[in-house]
PDB file of all heavy atoms in Angstrom:
ATOM      1  N   GLU A   1      -5.781  33.755 146.151  1.00  0.00           N
ATOM      2  CA  GLU A   1      -4.587  34.444 146.619  1.00  0.00           C
ATOM      3  C   GLU A   1      -4.238  33.920 148.010  1.00  0.00           C
ATOM      4  O   GLU A   1      -5.117  33.699 148.835  1.00  0.00           O
ATOM      5  CB  GLU A   1      -4.871  35.947 146.670  1.00  0.00           C
ATOM      6  CG  GLU A   1      -3.687  36.787 147.038  1.00  0.00           C
ATOM      7  CD  GLU A   1      -4.047  38.265 147.040  1.00  0.00           C
ATOM      8  OE1 GLU A   1      -4.766  38.714 146.119  1.00  0.00           O
ATOM      9  OE2 GLU A   1      -3.606  38.945 147.972  1.00  0.00           O
ATOM     10  N   VAL A   2      -2.958  33.710 148.242  1.00  0.00           N
ATOM     11  CA  VAL A   2      -2.485  33.248 149.549  1.00  0.00           C
ATOM     12  C   VAL A   2      -1.588  34.335 150.127  1.00  0.00           C
ATOM     13  O   VAL A   2      -0.582  34.702 149.519  1.00  0.00           O
ATOM     14  CB  VAL A   2      -1.710  31.916 149.426  1.00  0.00           C
ATOM     15  CG1 VAL A   2      -1.101  31.512 150.766  1.00  0.00           C
ATOM     16  CG2 VAL A   2      -2.612  30.815 148.891  1.00  0.00           C
ATOM     17  N   SER A   3      -1.958  34.858 151.297  1.00  0.00           N
ATOM     18  CA  SER A   3      -1.158  35.921 151.913  1.00  0.00           C
ATOM     19  C   SER A   3      -0.093  35.371 152.859  1.00  0.00           C
ATOM     20  O   SER A   3       0.989  35.940 152.980  1.00  0.00           O
ATOM     21  CB  SER A   3      -2.048  36.921 152.644  1.00  0.00           C
ATOM     22  OG  SER A   3      -2.818  36.257 153.629  1.00  0.00           O
ATOM     23  N   THR A   4      -0.392  34.257 153.528  1.00  0.00           N
ATOM     24  CA  THR A   4       0.584  33.591 154.395  1.00  0.00           C
ATOM     25  C   THR A   4       0.308  32.096 154.419  1.00  0.00           C
ATOM     26  O   THR A   4      -0.791  31.649 154.099  1.00  0.00           O
ATOM     27  CB  THR A   4       0.520  34.103 155.864  1.00  0.00           C
ATOM     28  OG1 THR A   4      -0.765  33.801 156.406  1.00  0.00           O
ATOM     29  CG2 THR A   4       0.819  35.590 155.957  1.00  0.00           C
ATOM     30  N   MET A   5       1.334  31.354 154.822  1.00  0.00           N
ATOM     31  CA  MET A   5       1.188  29.922 155.060  1.00  0.00           C
ATOM     32  C   MET A   5       1.816  29.636 156.414  1.00  0.00           C
ATOM     33  O   MET A   5       2.918  30.101 156.698  1.00  0.00           O
ATOM     34  CB  MET A   5       1.866  29.084 153.995  1.00  0.00           C
ATOM     35  CG  MET A   5       1.798  27.591 154.297  1.00  0.00           C
ATOM     36  SD  MET A   5       2.603  26.576 153.064  1.00  0.00           S
ATOM     37  CE  MET A   5       1.278  26.501 151.871  1.00  0.00           C
ATOM     38  N   GLU A   6       1.092  28.900 157.235  1.00  0.00           N
ATOM     39  CA  GLU A   6       1.619  28.513 158.537  1.00  0.00           C
ATOM     40  C   GLU A   6       1.790  27.006 158.563  1.00  0.00           C
ATOM     41  O   GLU A   6       0.873  26.267 158.222  1.00  0.00           O
ATOM     42  CB  GLU A   6       0.681  28.957 159.655  1.00  0.00           C
ATOM     43  CG  GLU A   6       1.266  28.749 161.019  1.00  0.00           C
ATOM     44  CD  GLU A   6       0.460  29.422 162.118  1.00  0.00           C
ATOM     45  OE1 GLU A   6      -0.618  29.983 161.832  1.00  0.00           O
ATOM     46  OE2 GLU A   6       0.910  29.365 163.265  1.00  0.00           O
ATOM     47  N   LEU A   7       2.980  26.570 158.945  1.00  0.00           N
ATOM     48  CA  LEU A   7       3.275  25.137 159.007  1.00  0.00           C
ATOM     49  C   LEU A   7       3.488  24.706 160.439  1.00  0.00           C
ATOM     50  O   LEU A   7       4.188  25.369 161.200  1.00  0.00           O
ATOM     51  CB  LEU A   7       4.542  24.816 158.206  1.00  0.00           C
ATOM     52  CG  LEU A   7       4.311  24.795 156.706  1.00  0.00           C
ATOM     53  CD1 LEU A   7       4.766  26.077 156.104  1.00  0.00           C
ATOM     54  CD2 LEU A   7       5.006  23.625 156.118  1.00  0.00           C
ATOM     55  N   GLU A   8       2.866  23.574 160.773  1.00  0.00           N
ATOM     56  CA  GLU A   8       3.023  22.976 162.088  1.00  0.00           C
ATOM     57  C   GLU A   8       3.599  21.575 161.900  1.00  0.00           C
ATOM     58  O   GLU A   8       3.434  20.963 160.844  1.00  0.00           O
ATOM     59  CB  GLU A   8       1.679  22.890 162.799  1.00  0.00           C
ATOM     60  CG  GLU A   8       1.035  24.238 163.060  1.00  0.00           C
ATOM     61  CD  GLU A   8      -0.335  24.127 163.716  1.00  0.00           C
ATOM     62  OE1 GLU A   8      -0.747  23.008 164.084  1.00  0.00           O
ATOM     63  OE2 GLU A   8      -0.990  25.172 163.855  1.00  0.00           O
ATOM     64  N   HIS A   9       4.239  21.079 162.938  1.00  0.00           N
ATOM     65  CA  HIS A   9       4.766  19.714 162.906  1.00  0.00           C
ATOM     66  C   HIS A   9       4.735  19.145 164.316  1.00  0.00           C
ATOM     67  O   HIS A   9       4.456  19.862 165.281  1.00  0.00           O
ATOM     68  CB  HIS A   9       6.182  19.683 162.335  1.00  0.00           C
ATOM     69  CG  HIS A   9       7.241  20.147 163.280  1.00  0.00           C
ATOM     70  ND1 HIS A   9       7.283  21.419 163.804  1.00  0.00           N
ATOM     71  CD2 HIS A   9       8.299  19.497 163.804  1.00  0.00           C
ATOM     72  CE1 HIS A   9       8.336  21.532 164.602  1.00  0.00           C
ATOM     73  NE2 HIS A   9       8.962  20.384 164.624  1.00  0.00           N
ATOM     74  N   TYR A  10       5.006  17.869 164.411  1.00  0.00           N
ATOM     75  CA  TYR A  10       5.065  17.192 165.697  1.00  0.00           C
ATOM     76  C   TYR A  10       6.542  16.965 165.996  1.00  0.00           C
ATOM     77  O   TYR A  10       7.155  16.060 165.428  1.00  0.00           O
ATOM     78  CB  TYR A  10       4.305  15.866 165.627  1.00  0.00           C
ATOM     79  CG  TYR A  10       4.057  15.242 166.965  1.00  0.00           C
ATOM     80  CD1 TYR A  10       2.867  15.445 167.639  1.00  0.00           C
ATOM     81  CD2 TYR A  10       5.031  14.426 167.548  1.00  0.00           C
ATOM     82  CE1 TYR A  10       2.644  14.863 168.879  1.00  0.00           C
ATOM     83  CE2 TYR A  10       4.813  13.843 168.778  1.00  0.00           C
ATOM     84  CZ  TYR A  10       3.624  14.064 169.436  1.00  0.00           C
ATOM     85  OH  TYR A  10       3.403  13.488 170.656  1.00  0.00           O
ATOM     86  N   PRO A  11       7.151  17.805 166.857  1.00  0.00           N
ATOM     87  CA  PRO A  11       8.590  17.691 167.135  1.00  0.00           C
ATOM     88  C   PRO A  11       8.975  16.279 167.568  1.00  0.00           C
ATOM     89  O   PRO A  11       8.279  15.634 168.345  1.00  0.00           O
ATOM     90  CB  PRO A  11       8.816  18.698 168.264  1.00  0.00           C
ATOM     91  CG  PRO A  11       7.712  19.695 168.099  1.00  0.00           C
ATOM     92  CD  PRO A  11       6.525  18.890 167.625  1.00  0.00           C
ATOM     93  N   GLY A  12      10.072  15.826 167.039  1.00  0.00           N
ATOM     94  CA  GLY A  12      10.548  14.472 167.323  1.00  0.00           C
ATOM     95  C   GLY A  12      10.002  13.474 166.331  1.00  0.00           C
ATOM     96  O   GLY A  12      10.763  12.764 165.689  1.00  0.00           O
ATOM     97  N   MET A  13       8.703  13.406 166.179  1.00  0.00           N
ATOM     98  CA  MET A  13       8.088  12.481 165.232  1.00  0.00           C
ATOM     99  C   MET A  13       8.428  12.878 163.794  1.00  0.00           C
ATOM    100  O   MET A  13       8.727  12.015 162.961  1.00  0.00           O
ATOM    101  CB  MET A  13       6.572  12.452 165.418  1.00  0.00           C
ATOM    102  CG  MET A  13       5.886  11.434 164.522  1.00  0.00           C
ATOM    103  SD  MET A  13       4.124  11.283 164.888  1.00  0.00           S
ATOM    104  CE  MET A  13       3.469  12.555 163.846  1.00  0.00           C
ATOM    105  N   THR A  14       8.392  14.172 163.498  1.00  0.00           N
ATOM    106  CA  THR A  14       8.667  14.639 162.143  1.00  0.00           C
ATOM    107  C   THR A  14      10.102  14.313 161.747  1.00  0.00           C
ATOM    108  O   THR A  14      10.349  13.759 160.671  1.00  0.00           O
ATOM    109  CB  THR A  14       8.387  16.150 162.025  1.00  0.00           C
ATOM    110  OG1 THR A  14       7.026  16.383 162.402  1.00  0.00           O
ATOM    111  CG2 THR A  14       8.616  16.644 160.615  1.00  0.00           C
ATOM    112  N   GLU A  15      11.047  14.629 162.612  1.00  0.00           N
ATOM    113  CA  GLU A  15      12.454  14.350 162.313  1.00  0.00           C
ATOM    114  C   GLU A  15      12.693  12.847 162.141  1.00  0.00           C
ATOM    115  O   GLU A  15      13.400  12.440 161.208  1.00  0.00           O
ATOM    116  CB  GLU A  15      13.357  14.895 163.433  1.00  0.00           C
ATOM    117  CG  GLU A  15      13.395  16.403 163.511  1.00  0.00           C
ATOM    118  CD  GLU A  15      12.285  17.027 164.362  1.00  0.00           C
ATOM    119  OE1 GLU A  15      11.306  16.315 164.719  1.00  0.00           O
ATOM    120  OE2 GLU A  15      12.388  18.218 164.669  1.00  0.00           O
ATOM    121  N   LYS A  16      12.092  12.050 163.011  1.00  0.00           N
ATOM    122  CA  LYS A  16      12.247  10.593 162.924  1.00  0.00           C
ATOM    123  C   LYS A  16      11.695  10.065 161.603  1.00  0.00           C
ATOM    124  O   LYS A  16      12.295   9.196 160.968  1.00  0.00           O
ATOM    125  CB  LYS A  16      11.540   9.930 164.113  1.00  0.00           C
ATOM    126  CG  LYS A  16      11.731   8.447 164.193  1.00  0.00           C
ATOM    127  CD  LYS A  16      11.059   7.867 165.431  1.00  0.00           C
ATOM    128  CE  LYS A  16      11.215   6.364 165.462  1.00  0.00           C
ATOM    129  NZ  LYS A  16      10.554   5.773 166.630  1.00  0.00           N
ATOM    130  N   SER A  17      10.568  10.575 161.183  1.00  0.00           N
ATOM    131  CA  SER A  17       9.957  10.161 159.923  1.00  0.00           C
ATOM    132  C   SER A  17      10.855  10.497 158.732  1.00  0.00           C
ATOM    133  O   SER A  17      11.045   9.685 157.826  1.00  0.00           O
ATOM    134  CB  SER A  17       8.597  10.843 159.765  1.00  0.00           C
ATOM    135  OG  SER A  17       8.063  10.623 158.491  1.00  0.00           O
ATOM    136  N   ILE A  18      11.426  11.689 158.742  1.00  0.00           N
ATOM    137  CA  ILE A  18      12.284  12.104 157.633  1.00  0.00           C
ATOM    138  C   ILE A  18      13.607  11.338 157.652  1.00  0.00           C
ATOM    139  O   ILE A  18      14.131  10.960 156.598  1.00  0.00           O
ATOM    140  CB  ILE A  18      12.487  13.628 157.640  1.00  0.00           C
ATOM    141  CG1 ILE A  18      11.136  14.327 157.414  1.00  0.00           C
ATOM    142  CG2 ILE A  18      13.492  14.056 156.571  1.00  0.00           C
ATOM    143  CD1 ILE A  18      11.158  15.832 157.616  1.00  0.00           C
ATOM    144  N   GLU A  19      14.143  11.076 158.835  1.00  0.00           N
ATOM    145  CA  GLU A  19      15.357  10.248 158.938  1.00  0.00           C
ATOM    146  C   GLU A  19      15.113   8.867 158.315  1.00  0.00           C
ATOM    147  O   GLU A  19      15.952   8.348 157.584  1.00  0.00           O
ATOM    148  CB  GLU A  19      15.795  10.094 160.398  1.00  0.00           C
ATOM    149  CG  GLU A  19      16.461  11.307 160.983  1.00  0.00           C
ATOM    150  CD  GLU A  19      17.891  11.535 160.499  1.00  0.00           C
ATOM    151  OE1 GLU A  19      18.481  10.660 159.830  1.00  0.00           O
ATOM    152  OE2 GLU A  19      18.430  12.606 160.812  1.00  0.00           O
ATOM    153  N   ALA A  20      13.957   8.264 158.616  1.00  0.00           N
ATOM    154  CA  ALA A  20      13.622   6.954 158.047  1.00  0.00           C
ATOM    155  C   ALA A  20      13.507   7.042 156.524  1.00  0.00           C
ATOM    156  O   ALA A  20      13.911   6.124 155.806  1.00  0.00           O
ATOM    157  CB  ALA A  20      12.326   6.423 158.661  1.00  0.00           C
ATOM    158  N   MET A  21      12.966   8.153 156.038  1.00  0.00           N
ATOM    159  CA  MET A  21      12.839   8.363 154.598  1.00  0.00           C
ATOM    160  C   MET A  21      14.229   8.454 153.958  1.00  0.00           C
ATOM    161  O   MET A  21      14.457   7.888 152.884  1.00  0.00           O
ATOM    162  CB  MET A  21      12.038   9.646 154.385  1.00  0.00           C
ATOM    163  CG  MET A  21      12.014  10.190 153.002  1.00  0.00           C
ATOM    164  SD  MET A  21      11.107  11.747 152.846  1.00  0.00           S
ATOM    165  CE  MET A  21      11.389  12.576 154.377  1.00  0.00           C
ATOM    166  N   ILE A  22      15.155   9.129 154.606  1.00  0.00           N
ATOM    167  CA  ILE A  22      16.525   9.222 154.072  1.00  0.00           C
ATOM    168  C   ILE A  22      17.185   7.848 154.101  1.00  0.00           C
ATOM    169  O   ILE A  22      17.870   7.462 153.140  1.00  0.00           O
ATOM    170  CB  ILE A  22      17.347  10.273 154.847  1.00  0.00           C
ATOM    171  CG1 ILE A  22      16.808  11.680 154.554  1.00  0.00           C
ATOM    172  CG2 ILE A  22      18.831  10.176 154.482  1.00  0.00           C
ATOM    173  CD1 ILE A  22      17.427  12.786 155.388  1.00  0.00           C
ATOM    174  N   ASP A  23      16.982   7.086 155.172  1.00  0.00           N
ATOM    175  CA  ASP A  23      17.514   5.719 155.226  1.00  0.00           C
ATOM    176  C   ASP A  23      17.000   4.898 154.048  1.00  0.00           C
ATOM    177  O   ASP A  23      17.753   4.140 153.431  1.00  0.00           O
ATOM    178  CB  ASP A  23      17.121   5.035 156.541  1.00  0.00           C
ATOM    179  CG  ASP A  23      17.864   5.589 157.749  1.00  0.00           C
ATOM    180  OD1 ASP A  23      18.896   6.274 157.581  1.00  0.00           O
ATOM    181  OD2 ASP A  23      17.385   5.340 158.883  1.00  0.00           O
ATOM    182  N   GLU A  24      15.710   5.045 153.732  1.00  0.00           N
ATOM    183  CA  GLU A  24      15.128   4.318 152.599  1.00  0.00           C
ATOM    184  C   GLU A  24      15.767   4.755 151.280  1.00  0.00           C
ATOM    185  O   GLU A  24      16.063   3.931 150.413  1.00  0.00           O
ATOM    186  CB  GLU A  24      13.615   4.536 152.556  1.00  0.00           C
ATOM    187  CG  GLU A  24      12.914   3.831 151.418  1.00  0.00           C
ATOM    188  CD  GLU A  24      12.913   2.310 151.501  1.00  0.00           C
ATOM    189  OE1 GLU A  24      13.141   1.746 152.598  1.00  0.00           O
ATOM    190  OE2 GLU A  24      12.697   1.666 150.458  1.00  0.00           O
ATOM    191  N   ALA A  25      16.008   6.053 151.110  1.00  0.00           N
ATOM    192  CA  ALA A  25      16.666   6.552 149.895  1.00  0.00           C
ATOM    193  C   ALA A  25      18.088   6.008 149.792  1.00  0.00           C
ATOM    194  O   ALA A  25      18.535   5.626 148.700  1.00  0.00           O
ATOM    195  CB  ALA A  25      16.682   8.080 149.884  1.00  0.00           C
ATOM    196  N   MET A  26      18.792   5.947 150.917  1.00  0.00           N
ATOM    197  CA  MET A  26      20.163   5.415 150.921  1.00  0.00           C
ATOM    198  C   MET A  26      20.168   3.931 150.517  1.00  0.00           C
ATOM    199  O   MET A  26      21.084   3.474 149.844  1.00  0.00           O
ATOM    200  CB  MET A  26      20.798   5.585 152.303  1.00  0.00           C
ATOM    201  CG  MET A  26      20.897   7.008 152.807  1.00  0.00           C
ATOM    202  SD  MET A  26      22.139   8.027 152.036  1.00  0.00           S
ATOM    203  CE  MET A  26      23.622   7.443 152.777  1.00  0.00           C
ATOM    204  N   ALA A  27      19.133   3.191 150.913  1.00  0.00           N
ATOM    205  CA  ALA A  27      19.037   1.773 150.570  1.00  0.00           C
ATOM    206  C   ALA A  27      18.651   1.567 149.105  1.00  0.00           C
ATOM    207  O   ALA A  27      19.100   0.611 148.472  1.00  0.00           O
ATOM    208  CB  ALA A  27      18.017   1.085 151.482  1.00  0.00           C
ATOM    209  N   ARG A  28      17.832   2.461 148.558  1.00  0.00           N
ATOM    210  CA  ARG A  28      17.330   2.306 147.192  1.00  0.00           C
ATOM    211  C   ARG A  28      18.295   2.810 146.123  1.00  0.00           C
ATOM    212  O   ARG A  28      18.285   2.310 145.001  1.00  0.00           O
ATOM    213  CB  ARG A  28      16.023   3.087 147.014  1.00  0.00           C
ATOM    214  CG  ARG A  28      14.820   2.456 147.627  1.00  0.00           C
ATOM    215  CD  ARG A  28      13.613   3.364 147.453  1.00  0.00           C
ATOM    216  NE  ARG A  28      12.431   2.748 148.012  1.00  0.00           N
ATOM    217  CZ  ARG A  28      11.362   2.422 147.307  1.00  0.00           C
ATOM    218  NH1 ARG A  28      11.302   2.670 146.016  1.00  0.00           N
ATOM    219  NH2 ARG A  28      10.329   1.864 147.891  1.00  0.00           N
ATOM    220  N   PHE A  29      19.066   3.826 146.454  1.00  0.00           N
ATOM    221  CA  PHE A  29      19.896   4.504 145.460  1.00  0.00           C
ATOM    222  C   PHE A  29      21.346   4.544 145.927  1.00  0.00           C
ATOM    223  O   PHE A  29      21.630   4.531 147.117  1.00  0.00           O
ATOM    224  CB  PHE A  29      19.391   5.942 145.230  1.00  0.00           C
ATOM    225  CG  PHE A  29      17.936   6.009 144.898  1.00  0.00           C
ATOM    226  CD1 PHE A  29      16.999   6.325 145.877  1.00  0.00           C
ATOM    227  CD2 PHE A  29      17.475   5.715 143.622  1.00  0.00           C
ATOM    228  CE1 PHE A  29      15.644   6.379 145.592  1.00  0.00           C
ATOM    229  CE2 PHE A  29      16.121   5.752 143.325  1.00  0.00           C
ATOM    230  CZ  PHE A  29      15.203   6.081 144.317  1.00  0.00           C
ATOM    231  N   ASP A  30      22.254   4.589 144.970  1.00  0.00           N
ATOM    232  CA  ASP A  30      23.682   4.637 145.270  1.00  0.00           C
ATOM    233  C   ASP A  30      24.077   6.092 145.527  1.00  0.00           C
ATOM    234  O   ASP A  30      24.644   6.767 144.659  1.00  0.00           O
ATOM    235  CB  ASP A  30      24.474   4.035 144.106  1.00  0.00           C
ATOM    236  CG  ASP A  30      25.946   3.873 144.428  1.00  0.00           C
ATOM    237  OD1 ASP A  30      26.315   3.991 145.616  1.00  0.00           O
ATOM    238  OD2 ASP A  30      26.724   3.640 143.493  1.00  0.00           O
TER     239      ASP A  30
END
């Protein structure tokens, strides 16, 4: 059983990583 989930991230690095992932999707797919 899971009562809560806590998520952490590295501000700036996380957004940059996801932006790069979207750029890759834009290049791979129309």
